[in-house]
Structures are given as structure tokens and as C-alpha cells.
């Protein structure tokens, strides 16, 4: 009889443990995603740059786009591919401290910090100290401003997904593919429009979908899915200072004519 009671007690203990673990899991899930005081998903934190498991890989540490996602070119859109010329200011303008631009800079192999409040999301990149200030208060795109390397972003929420539309770009490099194939320096046009869709996939993964709409190059818009990994373990070190000021006339210390 004592043995039977012990078995029942052990079974009851095991069931209690399962119930307790399930309750703890439900409590944890109820707190996901983290939210700001105004109830929006909180994206604040430090992250690894966007990565994908599909498509080609750069012969560098950055992320590049998968060519299989590209729709057909429009007539004349082949100018998207621009071979190296031997002029370092063209072939790698970042050697001269020129900006990487967007989306290329977003895919660079450096950490990025998101800082969020009710009205703005700030993306502060380690690479080139790039900073994107994205309004979240419903304002329209600005008018009458010069085209820029990073464009003019505005954001809004669709449920738990932040949608960021950016327009008004200079013509500039799309990604780091020229490190993989110097015959294919990918350039976007000044008609580029990008859409970022950012949301929590799970507590350890941020979903980042990027849509490229360039009507001077492609017959249709196209998208690629990426993920970003939060790194709270990087908080102690934070974002390193990235200064591109010295020796910007002589890449690698070797001055040309």
C-alpha cells in the first residue's frame, strides 16, 4: 500500500511539474512580443545585420541579394550592372569615405542598434556611423529636398509589423556584389523605392523583409526575406566608433595620380 501511494505521489508531482512548466511558458509567450508604453512592438536593441540562408553568398562578410529574386530588366535596365573602371572612386567609393547608401549599408557586416519611441525609430549602424531617423507619426514624405544616399524614410504600423517606405534616392550601389563578381557592380537608379517590413518572429529572431521597387531597372518590384538576430550580449561593448576621416584620398595608403 505504501508503494502504491508513493507511485501516485510521484505521478502527481510529475503532473504538477508539467502544469507549472506550461503555465510558465504561457506567461512568457503572453509577454511576446515586447511592447513600448504605447502598446507597439518594441524593436529596441542591438542586432546582427540582416542575413539569409538562400541565394548567393558574398565573397566578403556582408549580405547580398539573391539574383533569382530579380524580375526581368526593362529596356536599358542592364545599366544596373556596371563593370569596374579602374577608378577607385567609382570601384569602391567607400575607400574615399563616401557613404555606402541604402540598402547596401543595411547589409554591411556590422552591428546595428534600434532605438524606438512613439514618434521615431532610429537605426544607428556601426558601419560608417550610419544613422537613419524614421518617423512613425504618420507624416508624409518630405518635399523639395535633394536626393540622398539614404533617401527619405517614413514608417507606419500594420498590426505588429513596422512598415518603412523610403524614396528620393541618389543613383548608387545596391549591394556588395562587386566583391563577388567585379563585372557586376549592381547599381540602383534614382527612381528607387524600398519597403522594409520588420516584426518579431520569435524571441530570438527579428523578421526583416526588404522590397526593391526600381521602375527604371526592373519590370516589377521584388522582395527578399532576411532575419536579424538580437544580441543583448553585445550591450556591454555597444556600438564601436567608426570614423572615416583620415587618408581618404589614398585608399590603403597608396595614392594614385
C-alpha atoms as a PDB file:
ATOM      1  CA  UNK A   1       0.000   0.000   0.000  1.00  0.00           C
ATOM      2  CA  UNK A   2       2.843   2.339   0.800  1.00  0.00           C
ATOM      3  CA  UNK A   3       4.407   1.559  -2.586  1.00  0.00           C
ATOM      4  CA  UNK A   4       1.149   2.403  -4.401  1.00  0.00           C
ATOM      5  CA  UNK A   5       0.835   5.701  -2.564  1.00  0.00           C
ATOM      6  CA  UNK A   6       4.435   6.557  -3.490  1.00  0.00           C
ATOM      7  CA  UNK A   7       3.725   5.880  -7.138  1.00  0.00           C
ATOM      8  CA  UNK A   8       0.631   8.092  -7.083  1.00  0.00           C
ATOM      9  CA  UNK A   9       2.576  10.812  -5.312  1.00  0.00           C
ATOM     10  CA  UNK A  10       5.335  10.650  -7.901  1.00  0.00           C
ATOM     11  CA  UNK A  11       2.786  10.803 -10.723  1.00  0.00           C
ATOM     12  CA  UNK A  12       1.051  13.752  -9.123  1.00  0.00           C
ATOM     13  CA  UNK A  13       4.377  15.500  -8.700  1.00  0.00           C
ATOM     14  CA  UNK A  14       5.269  14.937 -12.335  1.00  0.00           C
ATOM     15  CA  UNK A  15       1.894  16.263 -13.487  1.00  0.00           C
ATOM     16  CA  UNK A  16       2.271  19.297 -11.249  1.00  0.00           C
ATOM     17  CA  UNK A  17       5.663  19.951 -12.802  1.00  0.00           C
ATOM     18  CA  UNK A  18       4.216  19.779 -16.284  1.00  0.00           C
ATOM     19  CA  UNK A  19       1.386  22.141 -15.353  1.00  0.00           C
ATOM     20  CA  UNK A  20       3.835  24.576 -13.755  1.00  0.00           C
ATOM     21  CA  UNK A  21       6.135  24.498 -16.806  1.00  0.00           C
ATOM     22  CA  UNK A  22       3.179  25.000 -19.153  1.00  0.00           C
ATOM     23  CA  UNK A  23       1.955  27.953 -17.102  1.00  0.00           C
ATOM     24  CA  UNK A  24       5.428  29.497 -17.136  1.00  0.00           C
ATOM     25  CA  UNK A  25       5.628  29.032 -20.908  1.00  0.00           C
ATOM     26  CA  UNK A  26       2.222  30.644 -21.402  1.00  0.00           C
ATOM     27  CA  UNK A  27       3.246  33.552 -19.185  1.00  0.00           C
ATOM     28  CA  UNK A  28       6.414  34.013 -21.214  1.00  0.00           C
ATOM     29  CA  UNK A  29       4.514  33.858 -24.500  1.00  0.00           C
ATOM     30  CA  UNK A  30       1.968  36.394 -23.223  1.00  0.00           C
ATOM     31  CA  UNK A  31       4.826  38.892 -22.897  1.00  0.00           C
ATOM     32  CA  UNK A  32       5.868  38.362 -26.525  1.00  0.00           C
ATOM     33  CA  UNK A  33       6.495  40.493 -28.432  1.00  0.00           C
ATOM     34  CA  UNK A  34       7.912  43.087 -26.028  1.00  0.00           C
ATOM     35  CA  UNK A  35       5.947  46.319 -26.196  1.00  0.00           C
ATOM     36  CA  UNK A  36       6.538  50.010 -25.674  1.00  0.00           C
ATOM     37  CA  UNK A  37       4.337  52.051 -23.286  1.00  0.00           C
ATOM     38  CA  UNK A  38       2.098  52.989 -26.249  1.00  0.00           C
ATOM     39  CA  UNK A  39       1.459  49.299 -26.986  1.00  0.00           C
ATOM     40  CA  UNK A  40       3.568  48.915 -30.146  1.00  0.00           C
ATOM     41  CA  UNK A  41       6.080  46.061 -30.518  1.00  0.00           C
ATOM     42  CA  UNK A  42       9.392  47.206 -29.058  1.00  0.00           C
ATOM     43  CA  UNK A  43      12.203  46.759 -31.576  1.00  0.00           C
ATOM     44  CA  UNK A  44      14.820  48.465 -29.412  1.00  0.00           C
ATOM     45  CA  UNK A  45      18.066  46.563 -29.082  1.00  0.00           C
ATOM     46  CA  UNK A  46      21.343  45.703 -30.771  1.00  0.00           C
ATOM     47  CA  UNK A  47      21.303  43.294 -33.709  1.00  0.00           C
ATOM     48  CA  UNK A  48      23.444  41.448 -36.191  1.00  0.00           C
ATOM     49  CA  UNK A  49      22.992  42.711 -39.738  1.00  0.00           C
ATOM     50  CA  UNK A  50      20.268  41.111 -41.944  1.00  0.00           C
ATOM     51  CA  UNK A  51      21.174  37.619 -43.112  1.00  0.00           C
ATOM     52  CA  UNK A  52      19.590  34.973 -45.314  1.00  0.00           C
ATOM     53  CA  UNK A  53      20.199  31.268 -45.833  1.00  0.00           C
ATOM     54  CA  UNK A  54      19.224  31.357 -49.505  1.00  0.00           C
ATOM     55  CA  UNK A  55      20.876  32.563 -52.684  1.00  0.00           C
ATOM     56  CA  UNK A  56      24.435  33.545 -53.433  1.00  0.00           C
ATOM     57  CA  UNK A  57      26.897  34.492 -50.729  1.00  0.00           C
ATOM     58  CA  UNK A  58      29.220  37.470 -50.934  1.00  0.00           C
ATOM     59  CA  UNK A  59      32.946  36.770 -51.042  1.00  0.00           C
ATOM     60  CA  UNK A  60      33.009  39.097 -48.071  1.00  0.00           C
ATOM     61  CA  UNK A  61      31.169  39.172 -44.772  1.00  0.00           C
ATOM     62  CA  UNK A  62      28.265  41.335 -45.953  1.00  0.00           C
ATOM     63  CA  UNK A  63      24.911  40.048 -47.219  1.00  0.00           C
ATOM     64  CA  UNK A  64      23.991  40.318 -50.899  1.00  0.00           C
ATOM     65  CA  UNK A  65      20.746  39.903 -52.805  1.00  0.00           C
ATOM     66  CA  UNK A  66      19.750  36.650 -54.492  1.00  0.00           C
ATOM     67  CA  UNK A  67      19.703  37.161 -58.274  1.00  0.00           C
ATOM     68  CA  UNK A  68      16.933  34.550 -58.549  1.00  0.00           C
ATOM     69  CA  UNK A  69      14.606  37.120 -56.987  1.00  0.00           C
ATOM     70  CA  UNK A  70      15.188  39.654 -59.780  1.00  0.00           C
ATOM     71  CA  UNK A  71      12.393  40.154 -62.334  1.00  0.00           C
ATOM     72  CA  UNK A  72      13.317  40.849 -65.971  1.00  0.00           C
ATOM     73  CA  UNK A  73      15.045  44.102 -66.834  1.00  0.00           C
ATOM     74  CA  UNK A  74      13.286  46.903 -68.583  1.00  0.00           C
ATOM     75  CA  UNK A  75      14.897  48.015 -71.880  1.00  0.00           C
ATOM     76  CA  UNK A  76      18.038  49.832 -70.834  1.00  0.00           C
ATOM     77  CA  UNK A  77      17.879  48.371 -67.335  1.00  0.00           C
ATOM     78  CA  UNK A  78      21.089  46.463 -67.971  1.00  0.00           C
ATOM     79  CA  UNK A  79      22.850  49.603 -66.736  1.00  0.00           C
ATOM     80  CA  UNK A  80      22.106  48.041 -63.354  1.00  0.00           C
ATOM     81  CA  UNK A  81      25.319  46.083 -63.963  1.00  0.00           C
ATOM     82  CA  UNK A  82      28.248  48.455 -64.132  1.00  0.00           C
ATOM     83  CA  UNK A  83      31.765  46.994 -64.505  1.00  0.00           C
ATOM     84  CA  UNK A  84      34.732  48.311 -62.617  1.00  0.00           C
ATOM     85  CA  UNK A  85      36.565  51.071 -64.414  1.00  0.00           C
ATOM     86  CA  UNK A  86      39.895  51.073 -62.570  1.00  0.00           C
ATOM     87  CA  UNK A  87      38.995  54.391 -60.970  1.00  0.00           C
ATOM     88  CA  UNK A  88      38.872  53.687 -57.221  1.00  0.00           C
ATOM     89  CA  UNK A  89      36.398  56.499 -56.685  1.00  0.00           C
ATOM     90  CA  UNK A  90      33.998  54.527 -58.846  1.00  0.00           C
ATOM     91  CA  UNK A  91      35.022  50.974 -57.987  1.00  0.00           C
ATOM     92  CA  UNK A  92      34.922  51.376 -54.212  1.00  0.00           C
ATOM     93  CA  UNK A  93      33.836  54.906 -53.258  1.00  0.00           C
ATOM     94  CA  UNK A  94      33.785  53.927 -49.583  1.00  0.00           C
ATOM     95  CA  UNK A  95      37.575  53.959 -49.724  1.00  0.00           C
ATOM     96  CA  UNK A  96      37.144  57.713 -50.055  1.00  0.00           C
ATOM     97  CA  UNK A  97      34.714  57.885 -47.149  1.00  0.00           C
ATOM     98  CA  UNK A  98      31.666  58.178 -49.383  1.00  0.00           C
ATOM     99  CA  UNK A  99      28.537  56.622 -47.853  1.00  0.00           C
ATOM    100  CA  UNK A 100      27.514  53.053 -48.551  1.00  0.00           C
ATOM    101  CA  UNK A 101      23.939  54.227 -49.033  1.00  0.00           C
ATOM    102  CA  UNK A 102      20.775  52.201 -48.586  1.00  0.00           C
ATOM    103  CA  UNK A 103      20.118  49.321 -48.885  1.00  0.00           C
ATOM    104  CA  UNK A 104      23.801  48.429 -49.267  1.00  0.00           C
ATOM    105  CA  UNK A 105      24.755  49.869 -45.887  1.00  0.00           C
ATOM    106  CA  UNK A 106      21.993  47.946 -44.119  1.00  0.00           C
ATOM    107  CA  UNK A 107      23.516  44.690 -45.383  1.00  0.00           C
ATOM    108  CA  UNK A 108      27.048  45.557 -44.271  1.00  0.00           C
ATOM    109  CA  UNK A 109      28.683  43.171 -41.817  1.00  0.00           C
ATOM    110  CA  UNK A 110      28.364  45.359 -38.740  1.00  0.00           C
ATOM    111  CA  UNK A 111      26.083  45.668 -35.754  1.00  0.00           C
ATOM    112  CA  UNK A 112      23.079  47.976 -35.788  1.00  0.00           C
ATOM    113  CA  UNK A 113      21.198  49.443 -32.838  1.00  0.00           C
ATOM    114  CA  UNK A 114      17.465  50.206 -32.947  1.00  0.00           C
ATOM    115  CA  UNK A 115      16.234  52.961 -30.640  1.00  0.00           C
ATOM    116  CA  UNK A 116      12.464  53.360 -30.578  1.00  0.00           C
ATOM    117  CA  UNK A 117       9.943  55.729 -29.061  1.00  0.00           C
ATOM    118  CA  UNK A 118       6.408  56.722 -30.001  1.00  0.00           C
ATOM    119  CA  UNK A 119       7.395  59.050 -32.835  1.00  0.00           C
ATOM    120  CA  UNK A 120      10.675  57.676 -34.200  1.00  0.00           C
ATOM    121  CA  UNK A 121      12.756  54.589 -34.835  1.00  0.00           C
ATOM    122  CA  UNK A 122      16.469  55.340 -35.018  1.00  0.00           C
ATOM    123  CA  UNK A 123      18.712  52.829 -36.792  1.00  0.00           C
ATOM    124  CA  UNK A 124      22.246  53.560 -35.637  1.00  0.00           C
ATOM    125  CA  UNK A 125      24.760  51.458 -37.559  1.00  0.00           C
ATOM    126  CA  UNK A 126      28.289  50.728 -36.521  1.00  0.00           C
ATOM    127  CA  UNK A 127      29.385  50.783 -40.176  1.00  0.00           C
ATOM    128  CA  UNK A 128      30.302  54.339 -41.207  1.00  0.00           C
ATOM    129  CA  UNK A 129      28.301  55.583 -38.198  1.00  0.00           C
ATOM    130  CA  UNK A 130      25.230  55.495 -40.466  1.00  0.00           C
ATOM    131  CA  UNK A 131      22.081  56.826 -38.828  1.00  0.00           C
ATOM    132  CA  UNK A 132      18.556  56.589 -40.208  1.00  0.00           C
ATOM    133  CA  UNK A 133      15.872  58.589 -38.414  1.00  0.00           C
ATOM    134  CA  UNK A 134      12.496  57.080 -39.303  1.00  0.00           C
ATOM    135  CA  UNK A 135       9.313  58.994 -38.328  1.00  0.00           C
ATOM    136  CA  UNK A 136       6.495  56.802 -37.001  1.00  0.00           C
ATOM    137  CA  UNK A 137       3.866  59.508 -36.515  1.00  0.00           C
ATOM    138  CA  UNK A 138       2.155  59.226 -39.899  1.00  0.00           C
ATOM    139  CA  UNK A 139       3.808  62.211 -41.562  1.00  0.00           C
ATOM    140  CA  UNK A 140       4.197  62.135 -45.383  1.00  0.00           C
ATOM    141  CA  UNK A 141       7.470  62.136 -47.290  1.00  0.00           C
ATOM    142  CA  UNK A 142       9.203  65.481 -47.324  1.00  0.00           C
ATOM    143  CA  UNK A 143       9.003  67.590 -50.485  1.00  0.00           C
ATOM    144  CA  UNK A 144      11.591  69.772 -52.129  1.00  0.00           C
ATOM    145  CA  UNK A 145      14.667  68.092 -50.633  1.00  0.00           C
ATOM    146  CA  UNK A 146      17.728  66.911 -52.552  1.00  0.00           C
ATOM    147  CA  UNK A 147      18.046  63.180 -53.341  1.00  0.00           C
ATOM    148  CA  UNK A 148      20.350  61.461 -50.879  1.00  0.00           C
ATOM    149  CA  UNK A 149      22.337  58.280 -50.308  1.00  0.00           C
ATOM    150  CA  UNK A 150      19.868  57.029 -47.684  1.00  0.00           C
ATOM    151  CA  UNK A 151      16.661  58.509 -49.058  1.00  0.00           C
ATOM    152  CA  UNK A 152      13.673  59.848 -47.138  1.00  0.00           C
ATOM    153  CA  UNK A 153      12.080  57.171 -44.907  1.00  0.00           C
ATOM    154  CA  UNK A 154       8.660  57.209 -43.259  1.00  0.00           C
ATOM    155  CA  UNK A 155       7.164  54.426 -41.167  1.00  0.00           C
ATOM    156  CA  UNK A 156       3.765  53.184 -40.062  1.00  0.00           C
ATOM    157  CA  UNK A 157       2.417  50.157 -38.214  1.00  0.00           C
ATOM    158  CA  UNK A 158       0.365  47.396 -39.810  1.00  0.00           C
ATOM    159  CA  UNK A 159      -0.652  45.385 -36.766  1.00  0.00           C
ATOM    160  CA  UNK A 160       2.596  44.203 -35.156  1.00  0.00           C
ATOM    161  CA  UNK A 161       4.661  44.868 -38.293  1.00  0.00           C
ATOM    162  CA  UNK A 162       6.570  48.102 -38.834  1.00  0.00           C
ATOM    163  CA  UNK A 163       6.496  49.157 -42.490  1.00  0.00           C
ATOM    164  CA  UNK A 164       9.126  51.661 -43.639  1.00  0.00           C
ATOM    165  CA  UNK A 165       8.900  53.213 -47.114  1.00  0.00           C
ATOM    166  CA  UNK A 166      11.922  55.132 -48.398  1.00  0.00           C
ATOM    167  CA  UNK A 167      12.119  57.290 -51.536  1.00  0.00           C
ATOM    168  CA  UNK A 168      14.186  60.153 -53.001  1.00  0.00           C
ATOM    169  CA  UNK A 169      17.496  58.336 -53.528  1.00  0.00           C
ATOM    170  CA  UNK A 170      20.594  59.241 -55.481  1.00  0.00           C
ATOM    171  CA  UNK A 171      21.686  56.649 -58.038  1.00  0.00           C
ATOM    172  CA  UNK A 172      24.124  54.464 -56.109  1.00  0.00           C
ATOM    173  CA  UNK A 173      25.304  50.920 -55.417  1.00  0.00           C
ATOM    174  CA  UNK A 174      22.668  48.353 -54.435  1.00  0.00           C
ATOM    175  CA  UNK A 175      24.802  45.838 -52.516  1.00  0.00           C
ATOM    176  CA  UNK A 176      28.341  44.438 -52.206  1.00  0.00           C
ATOM    177  CA  UNK A 177      28.096  42.056 -55.167  1.00  0.00           C
ATOM    178  CA  UNK A 178      31.149  43.635 -56.819  1.00  0.00           C
ATOM    179  CA  UNK A 179      33.269  41.773 -54.254  1.00  0.00           C
ATOM    180  CA  UNK A 180      31.905  38.536 -55.708  1.00  0.00           C
ATOM    181  CA  UNK A 181      31.962  39.465 -59.400  1.00  0.00           C
ATOM    182  CA  UNK A 182      33.746  42.679 -60.459  1.00  0.00           C
ATOM    183  CA  UNK A 183      31.821  42.600 -63.738  1.00  0.00           C
ATOM    184  CA  UNK A 184      28.559  43.084 -61.921  1.00  0.00           C
ATOM    185  CA  UNK A 185      28.640  46.259 -59.859  1.00  0.00           C
ATOM    186  CA  UNK A 186      24.933  46.470 -59.102  1.00  0.00           C
ATOM    187  CA  UNK A 187      23.532  49.999 -59.229  1.00  0.00           C
ATOM    188  CA  UNK A 188      20.028  51.178 -58.403  1.00  0.00           C
ATOM    189  CA  UNK A 189      18.546  54.196 -60.162  1.00  0.00           C
ATOM    190  CA  UNK A 190      17.300  57.477 -58.719  1.00  0.00           C
ATOM    191  CA  UNK A 191      13.748  56.110 -59.035  1.00  0.00           C
ATOM    192  CA  UNK A 192      14.360  53.503 -56.316  1.00  0.00           C
ATOM    193  CA  UNK A 193      11.681  52.966 -53.688  1.00  0.00           C
ATOM    194  CA  UNK A 194      12.252  50.494 -50.845  1.00  0.00           C
ATOM    195  CA  UNK A 195       9.842  48.966 -48.355  1.00  0.00           C
ATOM    196  CA  UNK A 196      11.063  47.332 -45.153  1.00  0.00           C
ATOM    197  CA  UNK A 197       8.727  45.116 -43.140  1.00  0.00           C
ATOM    198  CA  UNK A 198      10.075  44.475 -39.652  1.00  0.00           C
ATOM    199  CA  UNK A 199       8.467  42.283 -36.993  1.00  0.00           C
ATOM    200  CA  UNK A 200       9.308  39.849 -34.218  1.00  0.00           C
ATOM    201  CA  UNK A 201       9.338  36.260 -35.491  1.00  0.00           C
ATOM    202  CA  UNK A 202      10.205  34.748 -32.110  1.00  0.00           C
ATOM    203  CA  UNK A 203      12.068  35.997 -29.017  1.00  0.00           C
ATOM    204  CA  UNK A 204      15.421  35.316 -30.687  1.00  0.00           C
ATOM    205  CA  UNK A 205      14.633  36.370 -34.254  1.00  0.00           C
ATOM    206  CA  UNK A 206      13.564  39.578 -35.973  1.00  0.00           C
ATOM    207  CA  UNK A 207      11.963  39.179 -39.391  1.00  0.00           C
ATOM    208  CA  UNK A 208      13.217  41.702 -41.950  1.00  0.00           C
ATOM    209  CA  UNK A 209      11.663  41.731 -45.431  1.00  0.00           C
ATOM    210  CA  UNK A 210      13.042  44.167 -47.990  1.00  0.00           C
ATOM    211  CA  UNK A 211      11.211  45.090 -51.178  1.00  0.00           C
ATOM    212  CA  UNK A 212      13.027  46.769 -54.079  1.00  0.00           C
ATOM    213  CA  UNK A 213      10.910  48.783 -56.490  1.00  0.00           C
ATOM    214  CA  UNK A 214      13.047  50.394 -59.194  1.00  0.00           C
ATOM    215  CA  UNK A 215      10.904  51.141 -62.265  1.00  0.00           C
ATOM    216  CA  UNK A 216      13.893  52.345 -64.320  1.00  0.00           C
ATOM    217  CA  UNK A 217      15.600  48.960 -63.920  1.00  0.00           C
ATOM    218  CA  UNK A 218      13.043  46.189 -63.341  1.00  0.00           C
ATOM    219  CA  UNK A 219       9.676  45.274 -64.836  1.00  0.00           C
ATOM    220  CA  UNK A 220       8.259  44.654 -61.354  1.00  0.00           C
ATOM    221  CA  UNK A 221       9.069  45.095 -57.688  1.00  0.00           C
ATOM    222  CA  UNK A 222      10.746  42.185 -55.903  1.00  0.00           C
ATOM    223  CA  UNK A 223      11.404  41.166 -52.307  1.00  0.00           C
ATOM    224  CA  UNK A 224      13.773  39.088 -50.242  1.00  0.00           C
ATOM    225  CA  UNK A 225      13.325  37.798 -46.693  1.00  0.00           C
ATOM    226  CA  UNK A 226      16.058  38.183 -44.091  1.00  0.00           C
ATOM    227  CA  UNK A 227      16.369  37.664 -40.365  1.00  0.00           C
ATOM    228  CA  UNK A 228      18.183  39.712 -37.748  1.00  0.00           C
ATOM    229  CA  UNK A 229      19.468  38.196 -34.513  1.00  0.00           C
ATOM    230  CA  UNK A 230      19.262  40.280 -31.332  1.00  0.00           C
ATOM    231  CA  UNK A 231      22.488  40.332 -29.330  1.00  0.00           C
ATOM    232  CA  UNK A 232      21.916  41.565 -25.780  1.00  0.00           C
ATOM    233  CA  UNK A 233      25.356  40.066 -25.073  1.00  0.00           C
ATOM    234  CA  UNK A 234      26.830  42.888 -27.197  1.00  0.00           C
ATOM    235  CA  UNK A 235      25.328  45.564 -24.971  1.00  0.00           C
ATOM    236  CA  UNK A 236      28.352  45.793 -22.675  1.00  0.00           C
ATOM    237  CA  UNK A 237      30.649  46.681 -25.589  1.00  0.00           C
ATOM    238  CA  UNK A 238      27.972  48.525 -27.550  1.00  0.00           C
ATOM    239  CA  UNK A 239      28.462  50.042 -30.993  1.00  0.00           C
ATOM    240  CA  UNK A 240      32.101  50.803 -31.785  1.00  0.00           C
ATOM    241  CA  UNK A 241      33.141  54.163 -33.157  1.00  0.00           C
ATOM    242  CA  UNK A 242      33.626  54.067 -36.928  1.00  0.00           C
ATOM    243  CA  UNK A 243      35.492  57.112 -38.216  1.00  0.00           C
ATOM    244  CA  UNK A 244      36.357  57.599 -41.875  1.00  0.00           C
ATOM    245  CA  UNK A 245      38.238  60.864 -41.913  1.00  0.00           C
ATOM    246  CA  UNK A 246      41.953  60.287 -42.370  1.00  0.00           C
ATOM    247  CA  UNK A 247      43.786  59.200 -45.507  1.00  0.00           C
ATOM    248  CA  UNK A 248      40.610  59.416 -47.534  1.00  0.00           C
ATOM    249  CA  UNK A 249      42.477  60.498 -50.651  1.00  0.00           C
ATOM    250  CA  UNK A 250      44.709  57.419 -50.721  1.00  0.00           C
ATOM    251  CA  UNK A 251      42.953  54.050 -50.321  1.00  0.00           C
ATOM    252  CA  UNK A 252      45.208  51.650 -48.482  1.00  0.00           C
ATOM    253  CA  UNK A 253      47.804  54.386 -48.197  1.00  0.00           C
ATOM    254  CA  UNK A 254      48.563  54.156 -51.924  1.00  0.00           C
ATOM    255  CA  UNK A 255      47.951  57.417 -53.726  1.00  0.00           C
ATOM    256  CA  UNK A 256      47.202  57.406 -57.410  1.00  0.00           C
ATOM    257  CA  UNK A 257      47.713  60.208 -59.862  1.00  0.00           C
END
